[in-house]
N, C-alpha and C. Protein backbone atom coordinates (compact mmCIF):
# COMPACT_ATOMS: atom_id res chain seq x y z
N MET A 1 5.81 2.01 128.06
CA MET A 1 6.17 0.61 128.01
C MET A 1 5.62 -0.04 126.74
N PHE A 2 4.32 0.23 126.46
CA PHE A 2 3.69 -0.33 125.27
C PHE A 2 4.37 0.18 124.01
N LYS A 3 4.72 1.50 124.00
CA LYS A 3 5.41 2.10 122.86
C LYS A 3 6.76 1.43 122.65
N LYS A 4 7.46 1.18 123.75
CA LYS A 4 8.78 0.56 123.68
C LYS A 4 8.67 -0.86 123.13
N THR A 5 7.67 -1.59 123.52
CA THR A 5 7.46 -2.96 123.05
C THR A 5 7.17 -2.96 121.56
N ILE A 6 6.33 -2.05 121.10
CA ILE A 6 6.01 -1.97 119.67
C ILE A 6 7.25 -1.60 118.87
N THR A 7 8.03 -0.65 119.38
CA THR A 7 9.25 -0.24 118.70
C THR A 7 10.20 -1.43 118.57
N HIS A 8 10.37 -2.20 119.65
CA HIS A 8 11.22 -3.39 119.60
C HIS A 8 10.68 -4.43 118.63
N PHE A 9 9.38 -4.61 118.63
CA PHE A 9 8.75 -5.56 117.72
C PHE A 9 8.99 -5.16 116.26
N ILE A 10 8.78 -3.89 115.95
CA ILE A 10 8.98 -3.39 114.58
C ILE A 10 10.44 -3.55 114.19
N LEU A 11 11.35 -3.20 115.07
CA LEU A 11 12.77 -3.34 114.80
C LEU A 11 13.13 -4.80 114.55
N ALA A 12 12.59 -5.69 115.35
CA ALA A 12 12.85 -7.12 115.18
C ALA A 12 12.31 -7.61 113.83
N CYS A 13 11.13 -7.13 113.44
CA CYS A 13 10.56 -7.53 112.15
C CYS A 13 11.43 -7.05 110.99
N VAL A 14 11.89 -5.81 111.08
CA VAL A 14 12.75 -5.27 110.03
C VAL A 14 14.03 -6.08 109.94
N CYS A 15 14.64 -6.40 111.08
CA CYS A 15 15.87 -7.19 111.09
C CYS A 15 15.64 -8.59 110.51
N CYS A 16 14.54 -9.21 110.91
CA CYS A 16 14.22 -10.54 110.39
C CYS A 16 13.99 -10.50 108.89
N TYR A 17 13.27 -9.49 108.44
CA TYR A 17 13.01 -9.36 107.00
C TYR A 17 14.32 -9.18 106.25
N SER A 18 15.18 -8.28 106.75
CA SER A 18 16.47 -8.04 106.09
C SER A 18 17.30 -9.31 106.07
N PHE A 19 17.32 -10.02 107.20
CA PHE A 19 18.09 -11.26 107.26
C PHE A 19 17.52 -12.30 106.32
N SER A 20 16.19 -12.41 106.27
CA SER A 20 15.58 -13.42 105.40
C SER A 20 15.86 -13.11 103.93
N GLN A 21 15.87 -11.83 103.57
CA GLN A 21 16.16 -11.47 102.18
C GLN A 21 17.60 -11.82 101.84
N THR A 22 18.52 -11.58 102.78
CA THR A 22 19.92 -11.89 102.54
C THR A 22 20.13 -13.39 102.54
N ALA A 23 19.51 -14.06 103.49
CA ALA A 23 19.71 -15.50 103.62
C ALA A 23 19.08 -16.26 102.45
N LEU A 24 17.97 -15.76 101.92
CA LEU A 24 17.28 -16.45 100.85
C LEU A 24 17.91 -16.19 99.48
N ALA A 25 18.69 -15.14 99.38
CA ALA A 25 19.31 -14.80 98.10
C ALA A 25 20.43 -15.79 97.81
N THR A 26 20.30 -16.47 96.69
CA THR A 26 21.30 -17.42 96.24
C THR A 26 22.33 -16.67 95.40
N PRO A 27 23.61 -16.95 95.60
CA PRO A 27 24.60 -16.27 94.76
C PRO A 27 24.35 -16.56 93.28
N ALA A 28 24.61 -15.56 92.47
CA ALA A 28 24.42 -15.72 91.02
C ALA A 28 25.35 -16.81 90.52
N GLN A 29 24.83 -17.66 89.67
CA GLN A 29 25.60 -18.77 89.10
C GLN A 29 26.28 -18.32 87.82
N PRO A 30 27.53 -18.70 87.61
CA PRO A 30 28.27 -18.27 86.41
C PRO A 30 27.53 -18.55 85.10
N ALA A 31 26.91 -19.72 84.99
CA ALA A 31 26.19 -20.05 83.75
C ALA A 31 25.01 -19.11 83.53
N SER A 32 24.32 -18.76 84.60
CA SER A 32 23.18 -17.84 84.48
C SER A 32 23.65 -16.45 84.09
N VAL A 33 24.75 -16.01 84.69
CA VAL A 33 25.29 -14.70 84.37
C VAL A 33 25.74 -14.65 82.92
N GLN A 34 26.36 -15.74 82.44
CA GLN A 34 26.77 -15.79 81.04
C GLN A 34 25.56 -15.72 80.11
N GLU A 35 24.48 -16.39 80.47
CA GLU A 35 23.26 -16.32 79.66
C GLU A 35 22.70 -14.90 79.67
N LEU A 36 22.73 -14.27 80.82
CA LEU A 36 22.25 -12.89 80.93
C LEU A 36 23.08 -11.97 80.04
N ILE A 37 24.38 -12.12 80.06
CA ILE A 37 25.25 -11.29 79.22
C ILE A 37 24.96 -11.54 77.74
N ARG A 38 24.77 -12.80 77.38
CA ARG A 38 24.45 -13.13 75.98
C ARG A 38 23.13 -12.51 75.57
N LEU A 39 22.11 -12.64 76.41
CA LEU A 39 20.78 -12.11 76.08
C LEU A 39 20.77 -10.58 76.04
N SER A 40 21.61 -9.96 76.85
CA SER A 40 21.63 -8.50 76.90
C SER A 40 22.51 -7.89 75.81
N ASN A 41 23.14 -8.75 75.01
CA ASN A 41 24.01 -8.29 73.92
C ASN A 41 25.11 -7.36 74.42
N ALA A 42 25.68 -7.68 75.56
CA ALA A 42 26.69 -6.82 76.18
C ALA A 42 27.88 -6.60 75.25
N GLU A 43 28.34 -7.64 74.57
CA GLU A 43 29.48 -7.48 73.67
C GLU A 43 29.16 -6.49 72.55
N GLN A 44 27.97 -6.60 71.99
CA GLN A 44 27.55 -5.69 70.92
C GLN A 44 27.46 -4.26 71.44
N LEU A 45 26.97 -4.09 72.66
CA LEU A 45 26.86 -2.75 73.23
C LEU A 45 28.23 -2.11 73.42
N VAL A 46 29.21 -2.90 73.83
CA VAL A 46 30.58 -2.39 74.00
C VAL A 46 31.13 -1.96 72.63
N LYS A 47 30.93 -2.80 71.61
CA LYS A 47 31.41 -2.46 70.27
C LYS A 47 30.72 -1.20 69.75
N GLU A 48 29.42 -1.09 69.99
CA GLU A 48 28.65 0.08 69.56
C GLU A 48 29.17 1.34 70.24
N ALA A 49 29.52 1.21 71.51
CA ALA A 49 30.03 2.37 72.24
C ALA A 49 31.30 2.91 71.60
N VAL A 50 32.20 2.02 71.19
CA VAL A 50 33.43 2.45 70.53
C VAL A 50 33.09 3.10 69.19
N LYS A 51 32.21 2.46 68.44
CA LYS A 51 31.82 2.99 67.13
C LYS A 51 31.17 4.37 67.27
N ASN A 52 30.40 4.56 68.33
CA ASN A 52 29.72 5.84 68.54
C ASN A 52 30.69 6.98 68.82
N TYR A 53 31.88 6.65 69.28
CA TYR A 53 32.86 7.69 69.56
C TYR A 53 33.68 8.07 68.33
N ALA A 54 33.52 7.35 67.23
CA ALA A 54 34.29 7.63 66.01
C ALA A 54 34.13 9.08 65.54
N PRO A 55 32.91 9.64 65.49
CA PRO A 55 32.80 11.05 65.06
C PRO A 55 33.54 12.01 66.01
N TYR A 56 33.49 11.72 67.29
CA TYR A 56 34.22 12.55 68.26
C TYR A 56 35.72 12.47 67.99
N PHE A 57 36.22 11.27 67.75
CA PHE A 57 37.65 11.10 67.46
C PHE A 57 38.02 11.84 66.17
N GLN A 58 37.14 11.81 65.18
CA GLN A 58 37.41 12.49 63.92
C GLN A 58 37.50 14.01 64.16
N LYS A 59 36.55 14.56 64.90
CA LYS A 59 36.58 15.99 65.19
C LYS A 59 37.83 16.36 65.97
N HIS A 60 38.16 15.55 66.95
CA HIS A 60 39.35 15.82 67.76
C HIS A 60 40.61 15.75 66.89
N SER A 61 40.66 14.79 66.00
CA SER A 61 41.81 14.65 65.09
C SER A 61 41.93 15.86 64.18
N GLU A 62 40.82 16.33 63.68
CA GLU A 62 40.84 17.52 62.83
C GLU A 62 41.36 18.73 63.60
N GLN A 63 40.95 18.83 64.87
CA GLN A 63 41.43 19.94 65.69
C GLN A 63 42.93 19.82 65.95
N VAL A 64 43.42 18.61 66.15
CA VAL A 64 44.86 18.38 66.34
C VAL A 64 45.61 18.87 65.10
N ILE A 65 45.09 18.53 63.92
CA ILE A 65 45.73 18.96 62.66
C ILE A 65 45.69 20.48 62.53
N LYS A 66 44.54 21.09 62.84
CA LYS A 66 44.43 22.55 62.75
C LYS A 66 45.40 23.23 63.71
N ASP A 67 45.50 22.70 64.92
CA ASP A 67 46.43 23.27 65.89
C ASP A 67 47.88 23.11 65.43
N TYR A 68 48.17 21.97 64.82
CA TYR A 68 49.53 21.68 64.38
C TYR A 68 49.93 22.51 63.16
N THR A 69 49.02 22.58 62.19
CA THR A 69 49.36 23.25 60.92
C THR A 69 49.03 24.74 60.93
N GLY A 70 48.12 25.14 61.80
CA GLY A 70 47.67 26.53 61.78
C GLY A 70 46.61 26.77 60.73
N HIS A 71 46.21 25.75 60.01
CA HIS A 71 45.18 25.89 58.97
C HIS A 71 43.80 26.00 59.62
N GLN A 72 42.99 26.90 59.13
CA GLN A 72 41.61 27.01 59.58
C GLN A 72 40.72 26.03 58.81
N THR A 73 41.06 25.83 57.54
CA THR A 73 40.38 24.87 56.69
C THR A 73 41.39 23.79 56.34
N LEU A 74 40.97 22.55 56.50
CA LEU A 74 41.88 21.44 56.26
C LEU A 74 42.10 21.23 54.76
N THR A 75 43.34 21.03 54.40
CA THR A 75 43.67 20.67 53.02
C THR A 75 43.37 19.19 52.84
N GLU A 76 43.49 18.72 51.63
CA GLU A 76 43.27 17.29 51.37
C GLU A 76 44.28 16.45 52.16
N GLN A 77 45.52 16.89 52.19
CA GLN A 77 46.56 16.19 52.95
C GLN A 77 46.23 16.21 54.45
N ASP A 78 45.73 17.35 54.94
CA ASP A 78 45.34 17.46 56.34
C ASP A 78 44.20 16.48 56.67
N GLN A 79 43.24 16.39 55.75
CA GLN A 79 42.09 15.51 55.98
C GLN A 79 42.53 14.04 56.06
N VAL A 80 43.47 13.67 55.19
CA VAL A 80 43.99 12.30 55.22
C VAL A 80 44.69 12.05 56.55
N ALA A 81 45.48 13.02 56.98
CA ALA A 81 46.19 12.89 58.26
C ALA A 81 45.19 12.80 59.42
N ALA A 82 44.12 13.60 59.38
CA ALA A 82 43.11 13.57 60.43
C ALA A 82 42.42 12.21 60.49
N GLN A 83 42.15 11.64 59.32
CA GLN A 83 41.53 10.31 59.30
C GLN A 83 42.47 9.26 59.89
N LYS A 84 43.75 9.38 59.59
CA LYS A 84 44.73 8.44 60.14
C LYS A 84 44.82 8.57 61.66
N ILE A 85 44.82 9.81 62.16
CA ILE A 85 44.88 10.03 63.60
C ILE A 85 43.61 9.50 64.27
N SER A 86 42.47 9.74 63.64
CA SER A 86 41.21 9.24 64.17
C SER A 86 41.24 7.72 64.27
N LYS A 87 41.76 7.08 63.25
CA LYS A 87 41.87 5.62 63.24
C LYS A 87 42.80 5.15 64.38
N ILE A 88 43.86 5.91 64.64
CA ILE A 88 44.76 5.57 65.75
C ILE A 88 43.98 5.62 67.07
N PHE A 89 43.15 6.67 67.24
CA PHE A 89 42.35 6.77 68.46
C PHE A 89 41.41 5.57 68.61
N VAL A 90 40.71 5.24 67.53
CA VAL A 90 39.77 4.12 67.57
C VAL A 90 40.51 2.82 67.88
N ASN A 91 41.62 2.59 67.19
CA ASN A 91 42.40 1.36 67.42
C ASN A 91 42.91 1.29 68.85
N THR A 92 43.34 2.43 69.37
CA THR A 92 43.84 2.45 70.75
C THR A 92 42.74 2.09 71.74
N VAL A 93 41.56 2.65 71.54
CA VAL A 93 40.43 2.32 72.43
C VAL A 93 40.09 0.84 72.31
N GLU A 94 40.11 0.31 71.10
CA GLU A 94 39.81 -1.12 70.91
C GLU A 94 40.84 -1.99 71.62
N VAL A 95 42.12 -1.61 71.55
CA VAL A 95 43.17 -2.36 72.25
C VAL A 95 42.96 -2.28 73.76
N PHE A 96 42.66 -1.07 74.25
CA PHE A 96 42.40 -0.91 75.68
C PHE A 96 41.25 -1.80 76.12
N LEU A 97 40.19 -1.82 75.31
CA LEU A 97 39.03 -2.65 75.67
C LEU A 97 39.36 -4.13 75.65
N GLN A 98 40.16 -4.56 74.68
CA GLN A 98 40.56 -5.96 74.64
C GLN A 98 41.33 -6.32 75.90
N GLN A 99 42.22 -5.43 76.31
CA GLN A 99 43.03 -5.69 77.49
C GLN A 99 42.20 -5.58 78.77
N ALA A 100 41.23 -4.66 78.78
CA ALA A 100 40.39 -4.47 79.96
C ALA A 100 39.39 -5.60 80.12
N LYS A 101 39.07 -6.28 79.04
CA LYS A 101 38.11 -7.38 79.05
C LYS A 101 36.78 -6.97 79.70
N PRO A 102 36.06 -6.06 79.05
CA PRO A 102 34.83 -5.53 79.65
C PRO A 102 33.77 -6.59 79.94
N ILE A 103 33.70 -7.62 79.14
CA ILE A 103 32.68 -8.66 79.38
C ILE A 103 32.99 -9.39 80.69
N GLU A 104 34.26 -9.65 80.93
CA GLU A 104 34.64 -10.28 82.21
C GLU A 104 34.32 -9.34 83.37
N ILE A 105 34.56 -8.06 83.17
CA ILE A 105 34.26 -7.08 84.21
C ILE A 105 32.76 -7.06 84.49
N ILE A 106 31.96 -7.02 83.42
CA ILE A 106 30.50 -7.04 83.58
C ILE A 106 30.07 -8.31 84.29
N GLN A 107 30.64 -9.43 83.88
CA GLN A 107 30.30 -10.71 84.49
C GLN A 107 30.61 -10.70 85.98
N ASN A 108 31.77 -10.19 86.35
CA ASN A 108 32.14 -10.13 87.77
C ASN A 108 31.22 -9.21 88.55
N ILE A 109 30.86 -8.10 87.96
CA ILE A 109 29.97 -7.15 88.65
C ILE A 109 28.59 -7.77 88.83
N TYR A 110 28.06 -8.37 87.77
CA TYR A 110 26.75 -9.03 87.88
C TYR A 110 26.79 -10.11 88.95
N THR A 111 27.85 -10.90 88.96
CA THR A 111 27.96 -12.00 89.92
C THR A 111 28.00 -11.46 91.35
N LYS A 112 28.68 -10.36 91.56
CA LYS A 112 28.79 -9.80 92.91
C LYS A 112 27.54 -9.04 93.33
N GLN A 113 26.88 -8.38 92.39
CA GLN A 113 25.79 -7.48 92.74
C GLN A 113 24.40 -8.11 92.66
N LEU A 114 24.25 -9.14 91.85
CA LEU A 114 22.93 -9.74 91.65
C LEU A 114 22.86 -11.13 92.24
N SER A 115 21.71 -11.44 92.79
CA SER A 115 21.48 -12.81 93.26
C SER A 115 21.05 -13.66 92.06
N GLU A 116 21.05 -14.96 92.25
CA GLU A 116 20.59 -15.87 91.19
C GLU A 116 19.14 -15.56 90.82
N GLU A 117 18.33 -15.23 91.84
CA GLU A 117 16.92 -14.92 91.60
C GLU A 117 16.79 -13.66 90.73
N GLU A 118 17.62 -12.66 91.01
CA GLU A 118 17.58 -11.44 90.21
C GLU A 118 18.05 -11.70 88.79
N VAL A 119 19.08 -12.51 88.64
CA VAL A 119 19.58 -12.86 87.31
C VAL A 119 18.48 -13.57 86.53
N GLN A 120 17.82 -14.52 87.17
CA GLN A 120 16.75 -15.26 86.49
C GLN A 120 15.59 -14.33 86.11
N ALA A 121 15.27 -13.38 86.99
CA ALA A 121 14.20 -12.43 86.68
C ALA A 121 14.60 -11.56 85.47
N TYR A 122 15.85 -11.15 85.44
CA TYR A 122 16.34 -10.33 84.32
C TYR A 122 16.33 -11.15 83.03
N ILE A 123 16.72 -12.41 83.12
CA ILE A 123 16.70 -13.29 81.95
C ILE A 123 15.26 -13.44 81.44
N ARG A 124 14.32 -13.66 82.35
CA ARG A 124 12.90 -13.77 81.94
C ARG A 124 12.46 -12.49 81.24
N PHE A 125 12.85 -11.35 81.79
CA PHE A 125 12.49 -10.08 81.16
C PHE A 125 13.10 -9.99 79.77
N LEU A 126 14.38 -10.31 79.64
CA LEU A 126 15.04 -10.20 78.33
C LEU A 126 14.46 -11.17 77.30
N LYS A 127 13.89 -12.26 77.77
CA LYS A 127 13.26 -13.22 76.86
C LYS A 127 11.83 -12.81 76.49
N SER A 128 11.25 -11.88 77.24
CA SER A 128 9.89 -11.44 76.96
C SER A 128 9.90 -10.53 75.73
N PRO A 129 8.75 -10.39 75.06
CA PRO A 129 8.68 -9.48 73.90
C PRO A 129 9.11 -8.06 74.25
N GLU A 130 8.69 -7.58 75.43
CA GLU A 130 9.07 -6.23 75.83
C GLU A 130 10.58 -6.13 76.06
N GLY A 131 11.13 -7.13 76.72
CA GLY A 131 12.57 -7.14 76.98
C GLY A 131 13.37 -7.20 75.69
N GLN A 132 12.91 -8.02 74.75
CA GLN A 132 13.61 -8.11 73.46
C GLN A 132 13.54 -6.78 72.71
N SER A 133 12.37 -6.13 72.78
CA SER A 133 12.20 -4.85 72.11
C SER A 133 13.13 -3.79 72.71
N ILE A 134 13.14 -3.71 74.03
CA ILE A 134 14.01 -2.73 74.69
C ILE A 134 15.47 -3.04 74.40
N ASN A 135 15.83 -4.31 74.45
CA ASN A 135 17.21 -4.73 74.21
C ASN A 135 17.66 -4.36 72.80
N LYS A 136 16.77 -4.48 71.82
CA LYS A 136 17.11 -4.10 70.43
C LYS A 136 17.31 -2.60 70.31
N LYS A 137 16.62 -1.83 71.14
CA LYS A 137 16.70 -0.37 71.08
C LYS A 137 17.90 0.18 71.87
N MET A 138 18.52 -0.62 72.70
CA MET A 138 19.61 -0.13 73.55
C MET A 138 20.78 0.46 72.76
N PRO A 139 21.23 -0.15 71.66
CA PRO A 139 22.32 0.49 70.91
C PRO A 139 21.95 1.89 70.41
N ILE A 140 20.71 2.06 69.98
CA ILE A 140 20.25 3.37 69.50
C ILE A 140 20.20 4.35 70.67
N ILE A 141 19.68 3.88 71.80
CA ILE A 141 19.60 4.73 72.99
C ILE A 141 21.00 5.16 73.42
N LEU A 142 21.94 4.22 73.44
CA LEU A 142 23.32 4.55 73.81
C LEU A 142 23.95 5.50 72.81
N GLN A 143 23.72 5.27 71.52
CA GLN A 143 24.29 6.13 70.48
C GLN A 143 23.78 7.56 70.64
N GLN A 144 22.48 7.69 70.81
CA GLN A 144 21.90 9.03 70.95
C GLN A 144 22.38 9.69 72.24
N THR A 145 22.53 8.91 73.29
CA THR A 145 23.04 9.45 74.55
C THR A 145 24.44 9.99 74.37
N VAL A 146 25.31 9.20 73.75
CA VAL A 146 26.69 9.63 73.51
C VAL A 146 26.71 10.88 72.65
N GLN A 147 25.92 10.89 71.58
CA GLN A 147 25.89 12.05 70.69
C GLN A 147 25.45 13.30 71.43
N GLN A 148 24.40 13.19 72.21
CA GLN A 148 23.89 14.36 72.91
C GLN A 148 24.85 14.83 74.01
N ILE A 149 25.51 13.90 74.68
CA ILE A 149 26.51 14.28 75.67
C ILE A 149 27.68 14.97 74.99
N ASN A 150 28.12 14.43 73.86
CA ASN A 150 29.22 15.04 73.12
C ASN A 150 28.85 16.44 72.64
N GLN A 151 27.62 16.61 72.12
CA GLN A 151 27.18 17.92 71.67
C GLN A 151 27.14 18.92 72.82
N ALA A 152 26.62 18.48 73.95
CA ALA A 152 26.54 19.37 75.11
C ALA A 152 27.94 19.72 75.61
N THR A 153 28.83 18.73 75.63
CA THR A 153 30.20 18.97 76.08
C THR A 153 30.92 19.91 75.13
N GLU A 154 30.75 19.67 73.83
CA GLU A 154 31.39 20.52 72.83
C GLU A 154 30.89 21.95 72.94
N LYS A 155 29.60 22.11 73.11
CA LYS A 155 29.02 23.45 73.24
C LYS A 155 29.58 24.15 74.47
N LEU A 156 29.68 23.42 75.56
CA LEU A 156 30.19 23.99 76.79
C LEU A 156 31.66 24.37 76.65
N THR A 157 32.46 23.50 76.07
CA THR A 157 33.90 23.78 75.96
C THR A 157 34.19 24.90 74.97
N GLN A 158 33.26 25.20 74.08
CA GLN A 158 33.46 26.30 73.13
C GLN A 158 32.98 27.64 73.70
N ASP A 159 32.29 27.60 74.82
CA ASP A 159 31.78 28.80 75.46
C ASP A 159 32.96 29.59 76.05
N LYS A 160 33.10 30.84 75.62
CA LYS A 160 34.23 31.68 76.05
C LYS A 160 34.25 31.88 77.56
N LYS A 161 33.08 32.09 78.16
CA LYS A 161 33.02 32.29 79.61
C LYS A 161 33.50 31.04 80.34
N PHE A 162 33.07 29.89 79.87
CA PHE A 162 33.51 28.62 80.47
C PHE A 162 35.02 28.47 80.34
N GLN A 163 35.55 28.75 79.15
CA GLN A 163 36.99 28.64 78.92
C GLN A 163 37.76 29.58 79.85
N GLN A 164 37.26 30.80 80.01
CA GLN A 164 37.93 31.76 80.91
C GLN A 164 37.91 31.27 82.35
N GLN A 165 36.77 30.73 82.78
CA GLN A 165 36.66 30.21 84.15
C GLN A 165 37.63 29.06 84.37
N MET A 166 37.68 28.14 83.40
CA MET A 166 38.60 27.00 83.53
C MET A 166 40.04 27.48 83.55
N THR A 167 40.38 28.40 82.65
CA THR A 167 41.74 28.93 82.58
C THR A 167 42.11 29.59 83.90
N GLN A 168 41.20 30.38 84.45
CA GLN A 168 41.46 31.06 85.72
C GLN A 168 41.61 30.07 86.86
N GLN A 169 40.75 29.06 86.91
CA GLN A 169 40.84 28.06 87.97
C GLN A 169 42.17 27.30 87.90
N ILE A 170 42.58 26.95 86.70
CA ILE A 170 43.85 26.24 86.53
C ILE A 170 45.01 27.15 86.91
N ALA A 171 44.94 28.42 86.49
CA ALA A 171 46.00 29.38 86.84
C ALA A 171 46.08 29.54 88.36
N ASP A 172 44.95 29.58 89.04
CA ASP A 172 44.93 29.71 90.50
C ASP A 172 45.60 28.51 91.18
N VAL A 173 45.39 27.33 90.63
CA VAL A 173 46.01 26.12 91.19
C VAL A 173 47.52 26.12 90.93
N LEU A 174 47.92 26.56 89.75
CA LEU A 174 49.34 26.55 89.38
C LEU A 174 50.14 27.67 90.03
N LYS A 175 49.49 28.76 90.39
CA LYS A 175 50.16 29.96 90.88
C LYS A 175 51.15 29.71 92.02
N PRO A 176 50.79 28.94 93.05
CA PRO A 176 51.74 28.76 94.14
C PRO A 176 52.89 27.77 93.84
N LEU A 177 52.81 27.09 92.72
CA LEU A 177 53.86 26.12 92.38
C LEU A 177 55.08 26.82 91.79
N PRO A 178 56.26 26.27 92.05
CA PRO A 178 57.46 26.88 91.44
C PRO A 178 57.45 26.66 89.93
N LYS A 179 57.87 27.69 89.22
CA LYS A 179 57.93 27.60 87.76
C LYS A 179 59.25 26.98 87.33
N LYS A 180 59.19 26.25 86.26
CA LYS A 180 60.40 25.67 85.65
C LYS A 180 61.27 26.81 85.14
N ALA A 181 62.55 26.70 85.38
CA ALA A 181 63.47 27.73 84.92
C ALA A 181 63.53 27.69 83.40
N PRO A 182 63.55 28.87 82.76
CA PRO A 182 63.63 28.88 81.30
C PRO A 182 64.91 28.22 80.81
N SER A 183 64.80 27.45 79.76
CA SER A 183 65.98 26.77 79.21
C SER A 183 66.80 27.76 78.41
N LYS A 184 68.12 27.58 78.49
CA LYS A 184 69.05 28.53 77.83
C LYS A 184 69.50 28.07 76.51
């Protein structure tokens, strides 16, 4: 009986605590979220992310040219074409981002996921010397992250065993499907 009473008491305390946390949380205010986005340099981080993919786009463009021309070493004309294709990739991503409106997306996510109290705490942090220091380092952290992920991905995709496994897995999936009749 005593054990049951304590269990009910603990359960009631947990429920009350959870309810009080939910009830006390004020919805994030649009002006506060906008200040948070401004202080976190979200727009700059999005632009940096696109810029960080430029080397990847260049390498991919060069590979497209090599596959198309059969050249192992790019000629001057090939290099110009690869740069143009790379620019097309970058421009396409920029257009997609403009249409996707990432800042609005971030704003909506912050508004839904964070309370006003959490937004204010984050703003205080970003205004602190430590927050400003970390915030200034974020583009570098993101750039290095992208570079290292790209290097690891490139290394993996160039691995012959990995390529064979992927090819076999894809072949296994395609095997039961009807093949297109050869064109005459």
